[in-house]
Amino acid sequence: MSLREKGAITGVGETAYSRESGRSVLSLQLEASLKAIEDAGLKPSDIDGVIPYSGVVAEDFITNLGLPDLRFSAVTPLGGASCVAAVQCAVAAIAAGICNHVLIPVGRNGASGGRIGMRVQQMPQFRLVGEFEMPLGAIAPAQLYAPMARRHMELYGTTSRQLGEIAVSTRANAMLNGNAVMTKPMTIEDHQASRMISDPFRLFDCSLESDGSCAIVVSAAERARDLRKPPVVVMGVAEGHPDSPSVITQRPDMTRLGIAKAAPRAFEMAGVKHDDIDVAEIYDCFTYIVMCQLEDLGFCKKGEGGPFVESGAIRLGGKLPVNTHGGLLSQAHMVGMNHIAELVRQLRGEAGKAQVRDAEIGLVTGYGDMGDGSVAIMRRG
């Protein structure tokens, strides 16, 4: 059974993003969830499925939102690939007839809640590198992922300035967003002057750590048509895991991510080609991860990602506008759920100053852990 157009995103909600929320993760998620439910034109009692993120459980939402009959709950522990993978999970549950409206909330105190290195060490996905690589000093994602970028540079001549183009174009988009943490203009020279974190990653190659929450509602396609706003229909969705999924340095090809396996399945399910994509929200924990995904998705050949981004293709007005909200690099790190929310707004025509003209079909990705990937292709309903 294909999941093509079995579900649609009907509601999105976000809190303000900051570096110090002063609130619990649960309270942030409840705020975003209520906003998403209201945006869909639903009541909390209509929600019969929940896919919570780390730190909270389905029972928290039953208790606090007064859900009378939750029929489905699950988790999708793929790090930054979790949110798009959760869309696939929700659509599958809907297509199976289990539920009609699935709430997918994400929230975190990533800035005020402790260092990323400490959090990583507690995650089971990082158990193998925790045993063999962290004792040698690779304790944070920048250190774990940097060898992939360096390998790409050695093989294909990719430059730091090309990575900087991703940071600069993303910042320009964030400056158009009223709910972005980083809105100061950035130039390539600013990027090049930022301090080295883990070669070749400079400070401005790295995503933010943020406090806040974002939530969406996924509804059965036939019910979505009757709700408050035009539905954003899920045409194709897939997840993929890389070879050697637990350790990057032992991978046969360090420049190939799990999304390389997922992308062909998503495009086939959706029945579209790359030229049909009007806007893309690409998971951007680091600039290099954006470039590598663009290659693995098939928007350019392997090794040509540097010239592709350097050409201006990913800027607003370019061939493929990318991360029109400012992404994890400049808006906020919400594990990629803010990418999904932005794609929904783009396809509804609600993206304000960053609106891509006549956007009808878009793509959103997730990247997590050691290279897990997820991708969804959606259209205006």
Protein backbone atom coordinates (compact mmCIF):
# COMPACT_ATOMS: atom_id res chain seq x y z
CA MET A 1 0.00 0.00 0.00
CA SER A 2 1.39 3.40 -0.96
CA LEU A 3 1.16 6.32 1.46
CA ARG A 4 0.85 8.78 -1.42
CA GLU A 5 -1.62 11.54 -0.52
CA LYS A 6 -3.12 9.58 2.37
CA GLY A 7 -2.40 12.41 4.79
CA ALA A 8 -2.02 16.18 4.92
CA ILE A 9 -0.62 18.72 7.33
CA THR A 10 -3.51 20.82 8.54
CA GLY A 11 -2.09 22.82 11.43
CA VAL A 12 1.21 24.37 12.53
CA GLY A 13 2.13 26.22 15.71
CA GLU A 14 5.29 27.77 17.17
CA THR A 15 6.35 29.50 20.35
CA ALA A 16 8.79 32.38 20.38
CA TYR A 17 12.36 31.13 19.97
CA SER A 18 15.04 32.27 22.38
CA ARG A 19 18.19 31.34 24.28
CA GLU A 20 16.46 31.37 27.66
CA SER A 21 12.77 30.49 27.81
CA GLY A 22 12.51 30.25 31.58
CA ARG A 23 9.88 27.55 31.07
CA SER A 24 9.63 23.79 31.13
CA VAL A 25 9.89 21.81 27.91
CA LEU A 26 6.37 20.48 28.46
CA SER A 27 4.82 23.94 28.83
CA LEU A 28 6.52 25.03 25.59
CA GLN A 29 5.19 21.98 23.76
CA LEU A 30 1.68 22.48 25.08
CA GLU A 31 1.66 26.07 23.82
CA ALA A 32 2.83 25.08 20.34
CA SER A 33 0.41 22.14 20.27
CA LEU A 34 -2.61 24.29 21.12
CA LYS A 35 -1.59 26.76 18.41
CA ALA A 36 -1.28 23.97 15.84
CA ILE A 37 -4.65 22.49 16.80
CA GLU A 38 -6.30 25.92 16.58
CA ASP A 39 -4.59 26.62 13.26
CA ALA A 40 -6.17 23.43 11.89
CA GLY A 41 -9.61 24.48 13.11
CA LEU A 42 -9.76 21.50 15.45
CA LYS A 43 -10.36 21.06 19.17
CA PRO A 44 -7.97 19.13 21.44
CA SER A 45 -10.62 16.45 21.75
CA ASP A 46 -10.25 15.77 17.99
CA ILE A 47 -6.66 14.60 18.43
CA ASP A 48 -6.50 10.80 18.47
CA GLY A 49 -2.80 10.28 17.79
CA VAL A 50 0.39 11.73 19.29
CA ILE A 51 4.04 11.25 18.35
CA PRO A 52 5.96 12.97 21.16
CA TYR A 53 9.63 13.94 21.13
CA SER A 54 12.30 13.12 23.70
CA GLY A 55 11.56 14.13 27.29
CA VAL A 56 7.77 13.95 27.18
CA VAL A 57 5.30 11.12 26.68
CA ALA A 58 1.84 10.69 25.20
CA GLU A 59 0.30 10.68 28.67
CA ASP A 60 1.48 14.27 29.18
CA PHE A 61 -0.74 15.36 26.31
CA ILE A 62 -3.70 13.21 27.36
CA THR A 63 -3.55 14.79 30.81
CA ASN A 64 -2.88 18.40 29.90
CA LEU A 65 -4.95 18.71 26.71
CA GLY A 66 -7.81 16.51 27.88
CA LEU A 67 -7.59 14.03 25.01
CA PRO A 68 -10.55 11.67 25.55
CA ASP A 69 -9.55 8.74 23.32
CA LEU A 70 -5.94 8.56 22.15
CA ARG A 71 -5.80 5.63 19.73
CA PHE A 72 -2.18 5.85 18.60
CA SER A 73 1.19 6.90 20.01
CA ALA A 74 4.73 6.23 18.88
CA VAL A 75 8.24 7.67 18.90
CA THR A 76 10.68 8.08 16.01
CA PRO A 77 14.15 8.32 17.60
CA LEU A 78 16.25 9.45 14.64
CA GLY A 79 17.67 12.66 16.08
CA GLY A 80 17.20 15.46 13.56
CA ALA A 81 15.53 13.06 11.14
CA SER A 82 12.81 12.35 13.72
CA CYS A 83 10.31 15.03 12.69
CA VAL A 84 10.00 14.12 9.01
CA ALA A 85 10.11 10.43 9.95
CA ALA A 86 7.23 11.16 12.34
CA VAL A 87 5.22 12.52 9.40
CA GLN A 88 5.72 9.17 7.66
CA CYS A 89 4.69 7.35 10.84
CA ALA A 90 1.58 9.51 11.23
CA VAL A 91 0.49 9.03 7.61
CA ALA A 92 1.00 5.28 7.93
CA ALA A 93 -1.16 5.14 11.04
CA ILE A 94 -3.84 7.22 9.33
CA ALA A 95 -3.73 5.08 6.18
CA ALA A 96 -4.17 1.99 8.35
CA GLY A 97 -7.37 3.45 9.75
CA ILE A 98 -6.05 3.72 13.30
CA CYS A 99 -6.56 7.46 13.76
CA ASN A 100 -7.57 10.67 11.99
CA HIS A 101 -5.61 13.58 13.48
CA VAL A 102 -2.04 13.09 14.76
CA LEU A 103 -0.30 15.75 16.83
CA ILE A 104 3.51 15.89 16.42
CA PRO A 105 5.09 18.31 18.92
CA VAL A 106 8.78 19.08 19.44
CA GLY A 107 10.18 21.31 22.14
CA ARG A 108 13.49 21.79 23.86
CA ASN A 109 15.58 24.02 26.04
CA GLY A 110 18.61 23.41 23.90
CA ALA A 111 20.28 26.70 24.81
CA SER A 112 19.52 26.86 28.53
CA GLY A 113 19.34 23.14 29.24
CA GLY A 114 23.01 22.11 29.21
CA ARG A 115 25.85 21.46 26.81
CA ILE A 116 25.27 19.39 23.68
CA GLY A 117 28.26 17.15 24.41
CA MET A 118 26.71 16.00 27.67
CA ARG A 119 23.34 15.35 26.04
CA VAL A 120 24.91 13.34 23.21
CA GLN A 121 26.67 11.05 25.66
CA GLN A 122 23.30 10.07 27.13
CA MET A 123 21.73 9.11 23.79
CA PRO A 124 21.74 5.40 22.85
CA GLN A 125 22.34 6.24 19.18
CA PHE A 126 25.80 7.49 20.17
CA ARG A 127 26.75 4.44 22.25
CA LEU A 128 29.33 3.11 19.80
CA VAL A 129 31.15 6.39 19.26
CA GLY A 130 30.88 6.96 22.99
CA GLU A 131 32.91 3.83 23.54
CA PHE A 132 35.50 4.20 20.79
CA GLU A 133 35.75 7.85 19.67
CA MET A 134 34.67 10.10 22.53
CA PRO A 135 37.62 8.92 24.69
CA LEU A 136 39.87 10.35 21.97
CA GLY A 137 38.20 13.77 22.22
CA ALA A 138 35.31 13.62 19.72
CA ILE A 139 32.59 14.55 22.20
CA ALA A 140 30.26 16.87 20.24
CA PRO A 141 28.51 16.71 16.85
CA ALA A 142 30.87 19.27 15.27
CA GLN A 143 33.80 16.96 16.00
CA LEU A 144 31.95 13.83 14.90
CA TYR A 145 30.70 15.29 11.61
CA ALA A 146 33.74 17.36 10.60
CA PRO A 147 35.57 14.39 8.99
CA MET A 148 32.73 14.05 6.47
CA ALA A 149 33.18 17.64 5.33
CA ARG A 150 36.97 17.34 5.23
CA ARG A 151 36.71 14.16 3.15
CA HIS A 152 34.40 15.95 0.68
CA MET A 153 36.92 18.78 0.40
CA GLU A 154 39.77 16.37 -0.29
CA LEU A 155 37.82 14.43 -2.92
CA TYR A 156 36.05 17.25 -4.73
CA GLY A 157 37.84 20.50 -3.94
CA THR A 158 34.97 21.91 -1.90
CA THR A 159 35.94 25.13 -0.11
CA SER A 160 35.07 26.83 3.15
CA ARG A 161 33.80 29.83 1.21
CA GLN A 162 31.28 27.58 -0.54
CA LEU A 163 30.04 26.38 2.85
CA GLY A 164 29.90 30.03 3.85
CA GLU A 165 27.44 30.75 1.05
CA ILE A 166 24.96 28.46 2.80
CA ALA A 167 25.40 30.31 6.09
CA VAL A 168 25.09 33.72 4.43
CA SER A 169 21.99 32.92 2.37
CA THR A 170 20.31 31.32 5.38
CA ARG A 171 21.02 34.38 7.52
CA ALA A 172 19.55 36.64 4.83
CA ASN A 173 16.34 34.63 5.02
CA ALA A 174 16.26 34.80 8.83
CA MET A 175 16.40 38.57 8.60
CA LEU A 176 12.97 38.42 6.94
CA ASN A 177 11.53 36.31 9.77
CA GLY A 178 9.99 37.96 12.81
CA ASN A 179 10.61 34.85 14.93
CA ALA A 180 14.33 34.25 14.36
CA VAL A 181 17.13 34.35 16.92
CA MET A 182 19.92 35.54 14.59
CA THR A 183 19.02 38.54 12.42
CA LYS A 184 22.31 40.45 12.12
CA PRO A 185 23.56 40.64 8.50
CA MET A 186 26.36 38.25 7.58
CA THR A 187 28.86 38.33 4.73
CA ILE A 188 31.23 35.68 3.40
CA GLU A 189 34.03 37.63 5.06
CA ASP A 190 32.17 37.43 8.40
CA HIS A 191 31.88 33.69 7.94
CA GLN A 192 35.57 33.33 7.12
CA ALA A 193 36.54 35.43 10.14
CA SER A 194 34.46 33.34 12.58
CA ARG A 195 36.54 31.10 14.81
CA MET A 196 37.35 27.51 13.98
CA ILE A 197 35.29 25.00 15.98
CA SER A 198 36.38 21.70 14.46
CA ASP A 199 38.20 21.84 11.13
CA PRO A 200 36.70 22.63 8.64
CA PHE A 201 33.69 23.89 10.61
CA ARG A 202 33.81 27.51 11.70
CA LEU A 203 31.39 29.03 14.19
CA PHE A 204 28.99 30.16 11.46
CA ASP A 205 28.96 26.67 9.93
CA CYS A 206 27.25 25.42 13.12
CA SER A 207 23.59 25.55 14.06
CA LEU A 208 22.18 27.36 17.06
CA GLU A 209 21.12 25.89 20.36
CA SER A 210 17.63 27.18 21.10
CA ASP A 211 14.71 27.16 23.52
CA GLY A 212 11.17 26.86 22.19
CA SER A 213 8.68 24.52 20.58
CA CYS A 214 7.01 23.78 17.25
CA ALA A 215 4.12 21.43 16.52
CA ILE A 216 2.11 20.21 13.55
CA VAL A 217 -1.11 18.28 13.03
CA VAL A 218 -1.28 15.56 10.38
CA SER A 219 -4.82 14.64 9.31
CA ALA A 220 -6.45 12.08 7.07
CA ALA A 221 -6.61 13.53 3.56
CA GLU A 222 -10.39 13.21 3.24
CA ARG A 223 -10.93 15.03 6.54
CA ALA A 224 -8.30 17.69 5.82
CA ARG A 225 -10.35 19.12 2.97
CA ASP A 226 -13.05 20.25 5.41
CA LEU A 227 -10.78 22.05 7.88
CA ARG A 228 -9.94 25.72 8.35
CA LYS A 229 -7.04 26.16 5.97
CA PRO A 230 -6.00 24.61 2.67
CA PRO A 231 -4.31 21.27 3.44
CA VAL A 232 -0.69 20.63 2.55
CA VAL A 233 -0.81 17.14 1.11
CA VAL A 234 1.99 14.63 1.72
CA MET A 235 2.75 13.29 -1.76
CA GLY A 236 5.77 11.17 -0.91
CA VAL A 237 7.71 10.39 2.26
CA ALA A 238 10.57 8.07 3.21
CA GLU A 239 13.43 7.49 5.63
CA GLY A 240 16.85 5.94 5.10
CA HIS A 241 19.83 4.88 7.19
CA PRO A 242 23.46 5.08 6.05
CA ASP A 243 25.92 2.25 5.78
CA SER A 244 27.76 1.86 9.10
CA PRO A 245 24.93 3.80 10.78
CA SER A 246 26.59 4.09 14.19
CA VAL A 247 30.08 5.29 13.22
CA ILE A 248 30.90 7.77 10.45
CA THR A 249 34.63 7.06 10.26
CA GLN A 250 34.10 3.38 9.43
CA ARG A 251 31.78 4.12 6.51
CA PRO A 252 32.79 2.97 3.01
CA ASP A 253 31.78 6.37 1.62
CA MET A 254 31.84 9.17 4.19
CA THR A 255 30.14 11.57 1.77
CA ARG A 256 26.92 9.54 1.41
CA LEU A 257 24.07 9.95 3.89
CA GLY A 258 20.99 7.88 4.62
CA ILE A 259 18.86 10.31 2.64
CA ALA A 260 20.50 8.95 -0.54
CA LYS A 261 18.46 5.78 0.06
CA ALA A 262 15.27 7.60 1.04
CA ALA A 263 15.14 10.20 -1.74
CA PRO A 264 14.42 7.87 -4.69
CA ARG A 265 11.56 6.26 -2.75
CA ALA A 266 10.04 9.64 -1.86
CA PHE A 267 10.28 10.99 -5.42
CA GLU A 268 8.81 7.78 -6.85
CA MET A 269 5.92 7.84 -4.40
CA ALA A 270 5.24 11.51 -5.10
CA GLY A 271 5.43 11.06 -8.87
CA VAL A 272 7.42 14.27 -9.38
CA LYS A 273 10.86 15.23 -10.69
CA HIS A 274 13.49 17.51 -9.21
CA ASP A 275 12.53 20.39 -11.48
CA ASP A 276 9.01 20.28 -10.01
CA ILE A 277 10.27 21.31 -6.57
CA ASP A 278 9.66 25.04 -5.97
CA VAL A 279 11.15 25.36 -2.47
CA ALA A 280 13.19 23.13 -0.15
CA GLU A 281 13.65 23.20 3.61
CA ILE A 282 16.87 21.22 4.16
CA TYR A 283 18.03 20.15 7.61
CA ASP A 284 21.01 22.33 8.47
CA CYS A 285 22.76 21.32 11.68
CA PHE A 286 25.94 22.26 9.78
CA THR A 287 26.42 23.97 6.44
CA TYR A 288 28.09 20.91 4.95
CA ILE A 289 25.08 18.72 5.78
CA VAL A 290 22.91 20.98 3.60
CA MET A 291 25.30 20.68 0.68
CA CYS A 292 25.67 16.91 1.03
CA GLN A 293 21.90 16.43 1.16
CA LEU A 294 21.43 18.51 -1.98
CA GLU A 295 23.78 16.06 -3.72
CA ASP A 296 22.22 12.93 -2.23
CA LEU A 297 18.74 14.19 -3.06
CA GLY A 298 19.80 14.52 -6.70
CA PHE A 299 19.62 18.29 -7.18
CA CYS A 300 23.25 18.16 -8.30
CA LYS A 301 25.83 15.43 -8.80
CA LYS A 302 28.08 14.18 -6.02
CA GLY A 303 30.97 16.61 -5.71
CA GLU A 304 29.10 19.48 -7.39
CA GLY A 305 27.35 20.79 -4.30
CA GLY A 306 29.94 23.53 -3.75
CA PRO A 307 29.54 25.15 -7.17
CA PHE A 308 25.76 24.62 -6.95
CA VAL A 309 25.35 26.68 -3.77
CA GLU A 310 28.01 29.18 -4.86
CA SER A 311 25.99 29.93 -8.00
CA GLY A 312 23.20 31.48 -5.91
CA ALA A 313 20.82 28.61 -6.67
CA ILE A 314 19.66 28.28 -3.04
CA ARG A 315 18.96 31.97 -2.43
CA LEU A 316 15.48 33.49 -2.59
CA GLY A 317 14.90 34.04 -6.29
CA GLY A 318 17.33 31.23 -7.14
CA LYS A 319 16.67 27.92 -8.86
CA LEU A 320 15.89 26.20 -5.55
CA PRO A 321 15.27 28.51 -2.59
CA VAL A 322 16.46 26.73 0.56
CA ASN A 323 15.62 27.32 4.23
CA THR A 324 13.49 30.36 3.64
CA HIS A 325 12.84 30.76 7.39
CA GLY A 326 16.50 30.88 8.46
CA GLY A 327 16.86 27.23 9.39
CA LEU A 328 18.73 25.81 12.36
CA LEU A 329 21.66 28.03 11.43
CA SER A 330 19.86 31.32 12.07
CA GLN A 331 16.18 30.92 13.04
CA ALA A 332 16.29 28.27 15.78
CA HIS A 333 17.20 24.65 16.41
CA MET A 334 13.86 22.87 16.76
CA VAL A 335 15.12 19.50 15.49
CA GLY A 336 13.78 20.42 12.04
CA MET A 337 10.12 20.78 12.98
CA ASN A 338 10.41 24.49 12.14
CA HIS A 339 11.45 23.39 8.64
CA ILE A 340 8.17 21.50 8.25
CA ALA A 341 6.19 24.46 9.58
CA GLU A 342 7.93 26.76 7.11
CA LEU A 343 7.19 24.48 4.16
CA VAL A 344 3.53 24.40 5.14
CA ARG A 345 3.43 28.20 5.26
CA GLN A 346 5.21 28.47 1.91
CA LEU A 347 2.70 26.16 0.25
CA ARG A 348 -0.21 28.01 1.85
CA GLY A 349 1.21 31.35 0.70
CA GLU A 350 1.69 32.51 4.32
CA ALA A 351 5.48 32.95 4.40
CA GLY A 352 5.47 36.75 4.40
CA LYS A 353 8.57 38.54 3.10
CA ALA A 354 10.26 35.21 2.36
CA GLN A 355 7.38 33.85 0.27
CA VAL A 356 8.50 31.98 -2.84
CA ARG A 357 6.28 33.11 -5.69
CA ASP A 358 3.79 30.51 -6.93
CA ALA A 359 5.18 27.77 -4.66
CA GLU A 360 3.07 24.68 -5.25
CA ILE A 361 5.34 21.72 -4.50
CA GLY A 362 8.04 21.63 -1.83
CA LEU A 363 10.42 19.30 -0.09
CA VAL A 364 11.60 19.03 3.52
CA THR A 365 14.35 16.84 4.96
CA GLY A 366 15.70 15.63 8.26
CA TYR A 367 19.21 14.52 9.19
CA GLY A 368 20.00 12.81 12.47
CA ASP A 369 22.58 11.03 14.56
CA MET A 370 25.30 9.57 12.32
CA GLY A 371 23.52 10.22 9.03
CA ASP A 372 19.94 8.97 9.28
CA GLY A 373 17.80 10.73 6.71
CA SER A 374 14.14 11.48 6.08
CA VAL A 375 12.40 13.37 3.30
CA ALA A 376 8.84 14.44 2.52
CA ILE A 377 7.49 15.98 -0.67
CA MET A 378 4.31 18.01 -0.28
CA ARG A 379 1.94 20.02 -2.43
CA ARG A 380 -0.57 22.78 -1.98
CA GLY A 381 -4.03 21.27 -1.48
